[in-house]
Amino acid sequence: MPLKAARARKAAAEPPLMLDVLKQFRVLLRAMESHYRQVERRSGLGGAQLWALAEIAAADLTMGDLAARLAIHVSTASNLVRRLEELGLATRTRTRADQRVVRIAATAAGRRKLRLAPKPSVGLLQKVLMETPPERLAVLHKELGRLVRRMGRIEPGAATSLISEMIAARSREG
């Protein structure tokens, strides 16, 4: 009986694994929040704007291409590019062959801004996910999918929301 009581006391003294996982989520959120604050402070751009600018500078893209690379809606990509254009960091041009197709390019000022901006330009979480081996990413995808489904209350459009904007909104709320 004393051994059983000792195990029970030890189990009660150790935090449940659930609390350790909760702490890991907190650490992830804080790290992203800190990174996006640093990006904005040092570059004057939001995290999503910097990521969009990095993608635009890396390749010849259409608005649809940019939306796909950022996993966001085309209208959200268009709003990001419009702001980058207002800042003189990107340009939009319609193709002659099809006026519906908009090509995006970084300006010299945009490329300069990108060189001076904090790294990673794509965002901290995005960079780590890109570096994660496919088999581990598949396991993470599966487990997070289960977690999301069990939570039940899923906001429409949440999957295509920009993390940096969600964090910025949270910071504004206090």
C-alpha atoms as a PDB file:
ATOM      1  CA  MET A   1       0.000   0.000   0.000  1.00  0.00           C
ATOM      2  CA  PRO A   2       2.781   2.548   0.749  1.00  0.00           C
ATOM      3  CA  LEU A   3       4.123   2.190  -2.832  1.00  0.00           C
ATOM      4  CA  LYS A   4       0.687   2.940  -4.292  1.00  0.00           C
ATOM      5  CA  ALA A   5       0.324   6.037  -2.068  1.00  0.00           C
ATOM      6  CA  ALA A   6       3.793   7.247  -3.055  1.00  0.00           C
ATOM      7  CA  ARG A   7       2.914   6.924  -6.767  1.00  0.00           C
ATOM      8  CA  ALA A   8      -0.345   8.814  -6.211  1.00  0.00           C
ATOM      9  CA  ARG A   9       1.508  11.642  -4.409  1.00  0.00           C
ATOM     10  CA  LYS A  10       4.116  11.804  -7.175  1.00  0.00           C
ATOM     11  CA  ALA A  11       1.443  11.911  -9.893  1.00  0.00           C
ATOM     12  CA  ALA A  12      -0.391  14.680  -8.015  1.00  0.00           C
ATOM     13  CA  ALA A  13       2.847  16.682  -7.691  1.00  0.00           C
ATOM     14  CA  GLU A  14       3.670  16.500 -11.415  1.00  0.00           C
ATOM     15  CA  PRO A  15       1.718  18.766 -13.752  1.00  0.00           C
ATOM     16  CA  PRO A  16      -0.436  16.843 -16.215  1.00  0.00           C
ATOM     17  CA  LEU A  17       0.949  16.526 -19.727  1.00  0.00           C
ATOM     18  CA  MET A  18      -1.966  18.652 -20.916  1.00  0.00           C
ATOM     19  CA  LEU A  19      -0.541  21.631 -19.014  1.00  0.00           C
ATOM     20  CA  ASP A  20       2.867  21.139 -20.609  1.00  0.00           C
ATOM     21  CA  VAL A  21       1.252  21.133 -24.062  1.00  0.00           C
ATOM     22  CA  LEU A  22      -0.729  24.257 -23.157  1.00  0.00           C
ATOM     23  CA  LYS A  23       2.542  25.935 -22.158  1.00  0.00           C
ATOM     24  CA  GLN A  24       4.037  24.987 -25.524  1.00  0.00           C
ATOM     25  CA  PHE A  25       1.149  26.721 -27.320  1.00  0.00           C
ATOM     26  CA  ARG A  26       1.734  29.806 -25.168  1.00  0.00           C
ATOM     27  CA  VAL A  27       5.435  29.792 -26.038  1.00  0.00           C
ATOM     28  CA  LEU A  28       4.598  29.502 -29.752  1.00  0.00           C
ATOM     29  CA  LEU A  29       2.181  32.426 -29.604  1.00  0.00           C
ATOM     30  CA  ARG A  30       4.603  34.607 -27.632  1.00  0.00           C
ATOM     31  CA  ALA A  31       7.478  33.834 -29.997  1.00  0.00           C
ATOM     32  CA  MET A  32       5.369  34.784 -33.024  1.00  0.00           C
ATOM     33  CA  GLU A  33       4.089  37.914 -31.298  1.00  0.00           C
ATOM     34  CA  SER A  34       7.633  38.968 -30.394  1.00  0.00           C
ATOM     35  CA  HIS A  35       8.893  38.312 -33.929  1.00  0.00           C
ATOM     36  CA  TYR A  36       6.086  40.311 -35.560  1.00  0.00           C
ATOM     37  CA  ARG A  37       6.620  43.225 -33.149  1.00  0.00           C
ATOM     38  CA  GLN A  38      10.329  43.224 -34.012  1.00  0.00           C
ATOM     39  CA  VAL A  39       9.527  43.091 -37.742  1.00  0.00           C
ATOM     40  CA  GLU A  40       7.198  46.062 -37.478  1.00  0.00           C
ATOM     41  CA  ARG A  41       9.552  48.066 -35.262  1.00  0.00           C
ATOM     42  CA  ARG A  42      12.599  47.494 -37.471  1.00  0.00           C
ATOM     43  CA  SER A  43      11.016  47.547 -40.936  1.00  0.00           C
ATOM     44  CA  GLY A  44       7.809  49.527 -40.565  1.00  0.00           C
ATOM     45  CA  LEU A  45       5.944  46.615 -42.187  1.00  0.00           C
ATOM     46  CA  GLY A  46       3.568  44.104 -40.674  1.00  0.00           C
ATOM     47  CA  GLY A  47       4.606  40.467 -40.719  1.00  0.00           C
ATOM     48  CA  ALA A  48       2.218  39.580 -43.545  1.00  0.00           C
ATOM     49  CA  GLN A  49       3.414  42.541 -45.616  1.00  0.00           C
ATOM     50  CA  LEU A  50       7.033  41.461 -45.183  1.00  0.00           C
ATOM     51  CA  TRP A  51       6.227  37.851 -46.112  1.00  0.00           C
ATOM     52  CA  ALA A  52       4.280  39.008 -49.179  1.00  0.00           C
ATOM     53  CA  LEU A  53       7.151  41.277 -50.206  1.00  0.00           C
ATOM     54  CA  ALA A  54       9.631  38.392 -49.816  1.00  0.00           C
ATOM     55  CA  GLU A  55       7.494  36.140 -52.027  1.00  0.00           C
ATOM     56  CA  ILE A  56       7.028  38.896 -54.613  1.00  0.00           C
ATOM     57  CA  ALA A  57      10.765  39.611 -54.734  1.00  0.00           C
ATOM     58  CA  ALA A  58      11.623  35.906 -55.095  1.00  0.00           C
ATOM     59  CA  ALA A  59       9.563  35.143 -58.204  1.00  0.00           C
ATOM     60  CA  ASP A  60       7.420  36.497 -61.023  1.00  0.00           C
ATOM     61  CA  LEU A  61       3.952  36.129 -59.487  1.00  0.00           C
ATOM     62  CA  THR A  62       0.327  36.793 -60.240  1.00  0.00           C
ATOM     63  CA  MET A  63      -2.083  37.787 -57.488  1.00  0.00           C
ATOM     64  CA  GLY A  64      -3.390  34.211 -57.458  1.00  0.00           C
ATOM     65  CA  ASP A  65       0.158  32.856 -57.109  1.00  0.00           C
ATOM     66  CA  LEU A  66       0.811  35.120 -54.130  1.00  0.00           C
ATOM     67  CA  ALA A  67      -2.459  34.124 -52.470  1.00  0.00           C
ATOM     68  CA  ALA A  68      -1.566  30.437 -52.904  1.00  0.00           C
ATOM     69  CA  ARG A  69       1.947  30.918 -51.479  1.00  0.00           C
ATOM     70  CA  LEU A  70       0.578  32.709 -48.409  1.00  0.00           C
ATOM     71  CA  ALA A  71      -2.433  30.350 -48.094  1.00  0.00           C
ATOM     72  CA  ILE A  72      -4.848  33.309 -48.097  1.00  0.00           C
ATOM     73  CA  HIS A  73      -7.803  34.510 -50.172  1.00  0.00           C
ATOM     74  CA  VAL A  74      -7.010  36.456 -53.369  1.00  0.00           C
ATOM     75  CA  SER A  75      -8.785  39.547 -52.006  1.00  0.00           C
ATOM     76  CA  THR A  76      -6.527  39.478 -48.931  1.00  0.00           C
ATOM     77  CA  ALA A  77      -3.460  39.205 -51.161  1.00  0.00           C
ATOM     78  CA  SER A  78      -4.750  42.122 -53.232  1.00  0.00           C
ATOM     79  CA  ASN A  79      -5.110  44.262 -50.091  1.00  0.00           C
ATOM     80  CA  LEU A  80      -1.549  43.398 -49.018  1.00  0.00           C
ATOM     81  CA  VAL A  81      -0.168  44.288 -52.447  1.00  0.00           C
ATOM     82  CA  ARG A  82      -2.193  47.516 -52.579  1.00  0.00           C
ATOM     83  CA  ARG A  83      -0.561  48.629 -49.310  1.00  0.00           C
ATOM     84  CA  LEU A  84       2.914  47.625 -50.555  1.00  0.00           C
ATOM     85  CA  GLU A  85       2.223  49.582 -53.744  1.00  0.00           C
ATOM     86  CA  GLU A  86       1.162  52.658 -51.710  1.00  0.00           C
ATOM     87  CA  LEU A  87       4.471  52.408 -49.851  1.00  0.00           C
ATOM     88  CA  GLY A  88       6.389  52.224 -53.158  1.00  0.00           C
ATOM     89  CA  LEU A  89       7.625  48.694 -52.417  1.00  0.00           C
ATOM     90  CA  ALA A  90       5.757  46.790 -55.153  1.00  0.00           C
ATOM     91  CA  THR A  91       4.060  47.352 -58.478  1.00  0.00           C
ATOM     92  CA  ARG A  92       1.081  45.744 -60.179  1.00  0.00           C
ATOM     93  CA  THR A  93       0.726  45.463 -63.935  1.00  0.00           C
ATOM     94  CA  ARG A  94      -1.920  43.819 -66.089  1.00  0.00           C
ATOM     95  CA  THR A  95      -0.723  41.483 -68.804  1.00  0.00           C
ATOM     96  CA  ARG A  96      -1.438  42.422 -72.416  1.00  0.00           C
ATOM     97  CA  ALA A  97      -2.644  38.938 -73.265  1.00  0.00           C
ATOM     98  CA  ASP A  98      -5.257  38.864 -70.496  1.00  0.00           C
ATOM     99  CA  GLN A  99      -6.177  42.066 -68.675  1.00  0.00           C
ATOM    100  CA  ARG A 100      -7.630  40.025 -65.806  1.00  0.00           C
ATOM    101  CA  VAL A 101      -4.153  38.717 -64.905  1.00  0.00           C
ATOM    102  CA  VAL A 102      -2.210  41.015 -62.577  1.00  0.00           C
ATOM    103  CA  ARG A 103       1.559  40.546 -62.288  1.00  0.00           C
ATOM    104  CA  ILE A 104       3.312  41.760 -59.152  1.00  0.00           C
ATOM    105  CA  ALA A 105       6.935  42.858 -58.811  1.00  0.00           C
ATOM    106  CA  ALA A 106       9.073  44.295 -56.039  1.00  0.00           C
ATOM    107  CA  THR A 107      10.534  47.727 -56.659  1.00  0.00           C
ATOM    108  CA  ALA A 108      14.159  48.619 -55.905  1.00  0.00           C
ATOM    109  CA  ALA A 109      12.903  50.209 -52.659  1.00  0.00           C
ATOM    110  CA  GLY A 110      11.044  46.979 -51.869  1.00  0.00           C
ATOM    111  CA  ARG A 111      14.138  44.840 -52.394  1.00  0.00           C
ATOM    112  CA  ARG A 112      16.171  47.244 -50.245  1.00  0.00           C
ATOM    113  CA  LYS A 113      13.535  47.136 -47.473  1.00  0.00           C
ATOM    114  CA  LEU A 114      13.614  43.333 -47.625  1.00  0.00           C
ATOM    115  CA  ARG A 115      17.405  43.189 -47.270  1.00  0.00           C
ATOM    116  CA  LEU A 116      17.279  45.392 -44.151  1.00  0.00           C
ATOM    117  CA  ALA A 117      14.273  43.701 -42.531  1.00  0.00           C
ATOM    118  CA  PRO A 118      14.565  41.164 -39.686  1.00  0.00           C
ATOM    119  CA  LYS A 119      14.733  37.538 -40.708  1.00  0.00           C
ATOM    120  CA  PRO A 120      13.025  35.225 -41.337  1.00  0.00           C
ATOM    121  CA  SER A 121      10.952  37.288 -43.764  1.00  0.00           C
ATOM    122  CA  VAL A 122       8.388  34.506 -44.080  1.00  0.00           C
ATOM    123  CA  GLY A 123       7.650  34.465 -40.350  1.00  0.00           C
ATOM    124  CA  LEU A 124       9.011  32.389 -37.531  1.00  0.00           C
ATOM    125  CA  LEU A 125       6.396  29.622 -37.503  1.00  0.00           C
ATOM    126  CA  GLN A 126       6.304  29.419 -41.301  1.00  0.00           C
ATOM    127  CA  LYS A 127      10.098  29.036 -41.465  1.00  0.00           C
ATOM    128  CA  VAL A 128      10.122  26.216 -38.905  1.00  0.00           C
ATOM    129  CA  LEU A 129       7.240  24.438 -40.653  1.00  0.00           C
ATOM    130  CA  MET A 130       9.077  24.712 -44.009  1.00  0.00           C
ATOM    131  CA  GLU A 131      12.139  23.123 -42.399  1.00  0.00           C
ATOM    132  CA  THR A 132      10.190  20.286 -40.765  1.00  0.00           C
ATOM    133  CA  PRO A 133      10.614  16.886 -42.469  1.00  0.00           C
ATOM    134  CA  PRO A 134       7.458  15.859 -44.394  1.00  0.00           C
ATOM    135  CA  GLU A 135       6.772  12.794 -42.246  1.00  0.00           C
ATOM    136  CA  ARG A 136       6.830  14.863 -39.034  1.00  0.00           C
ATOM    137  CA  LEU A 137       4.757  17.594 -40.660  1.00  0.00           C
ATOM    138  CA  ALA A 138       2.164  14.966 -41.636  1.00  0.00           C
ATOM    139  CA  VAL A 139       1.906  13.790 -38.013  1.00  0.00           C
ATOM    140  CA  LEU A 140       1.571  17.377 -36.778  1.00  0.00           C
ATOM    141  CA  HIS A 141      -1.073  18.078 -39.440  1.00  0.00           C
ATOM    142  CA  LYS A 142      -3.067  15.027 -38.405  1.00  0.00           C
ATOM    143  CA  GLU A 143      -2.933  15.787 -34.672  1.00  0.00           C
ATOM    144  CA  LEU A 144      -3.733  19.481 -35.070  1.00  0.00           C
ATOM    145  CA  GLY A 145      -6.623  18.539 -37.367  1.00  0.00           C
ATOM    146  CA  ARG A 146      -8.022  16.301 -34.632  1.00  0.00           C
ATOM    147  CA  LEU A 147      -7.597  19.069 -32.070  1.00  0.00           C
ATOM    148  CA  VAL A 148      -9.380  21.615 -34.277  1.00  0.00           C
ATOM    149  CA  ARG A 149     -12.273  19.224 -34.933  1.00  0.00           C
ATOM    150  CA  ARG A 150     -12.652  18.473 -31.212  1.00  0.00           C
ATOM    151  CA  MET A 151     -12.792  22.185 -30.394  1.00  0.00           C
ATOM    152  CA  GLY A 152     -15.855  22.429 -32.604  1.00  0.00           C
ATOM    153  CA  ARG A 153     -16.250  26.204 -32.804  1.00  0.00           C
ATOM    154  CA  ILE A 154     -14.397  26.896 -36.004  1.00  0.00           C
ATOM    155  CA  GLU A 155     -14.668  30.393 -37.396  1.00  0.00           C
ATOM    156  CA  PRO A 156     -15.299  30.478 -41.150  1.00  0.00           C
ATOM    157  CA  GLY A 157     -12.225  31.838 -42.915  1.00  0.00           C
ATOM    158  CA  ALA A 158      -9.923  31.181 -39.952  1.00  0.00           C
ATOM    159  CA  ALA A 159      -7.645  28.958 -42.033  1.00  0.00           C
ATOM    160  CA  THR A 160      -6.925  31.783 -44.478  1.00  0.00           C
ATOM    161  CA  SER A 161      -6.495  34.503 -41.845  1.00  0.00           C
ATOM    162  CA  LEU A 162      -3.074  36.064 -41.484  1.00  0.00           C
ATOM    163  CA  ILE A 163      -1.399  35.126 -38.190  1.00  0.00           C
ATOM    164  CA  SER A 164       0.364  38.486 -37.946  1.00  0.00           C
ATOM    165  CA  GLU A 165      -2.960  40.330 -38.264  1.00  0.00           C
ATOM    166  CA  MET A 166      -4.606  38.099 -35.637  1.00  0.00           C
ATOM    167  CA  ILE A 167      -1.731  38.798 -33.243  1.00  0.00           C
ATOM    168  CA  ALA A 168      -1.809  42.538 -34.013  1.00  0.00           C
ATOM    169  CA  ALA A 169      -5.571  42.642 -33.361  1.00  0.00           C
ATOM    170  CA  ARG A 170      -5.053  40.832 -30.062  1.00  0.00           C
ATOM    171  CA  SER A 171      -2.401  43.370 -29.066  1.00  0.00           C
ATOM    172  CA  ARG A 172      -4.704  46.300 -29.912  1.00  0.00           C
ATOM    173  CA  GLU A 173      -7.462  44.780 -27.777  1.00  0.00           C
ATOM    174  CA  GLY A 174      -5.173  44.968 -24.770  1.00  0.00           C
END
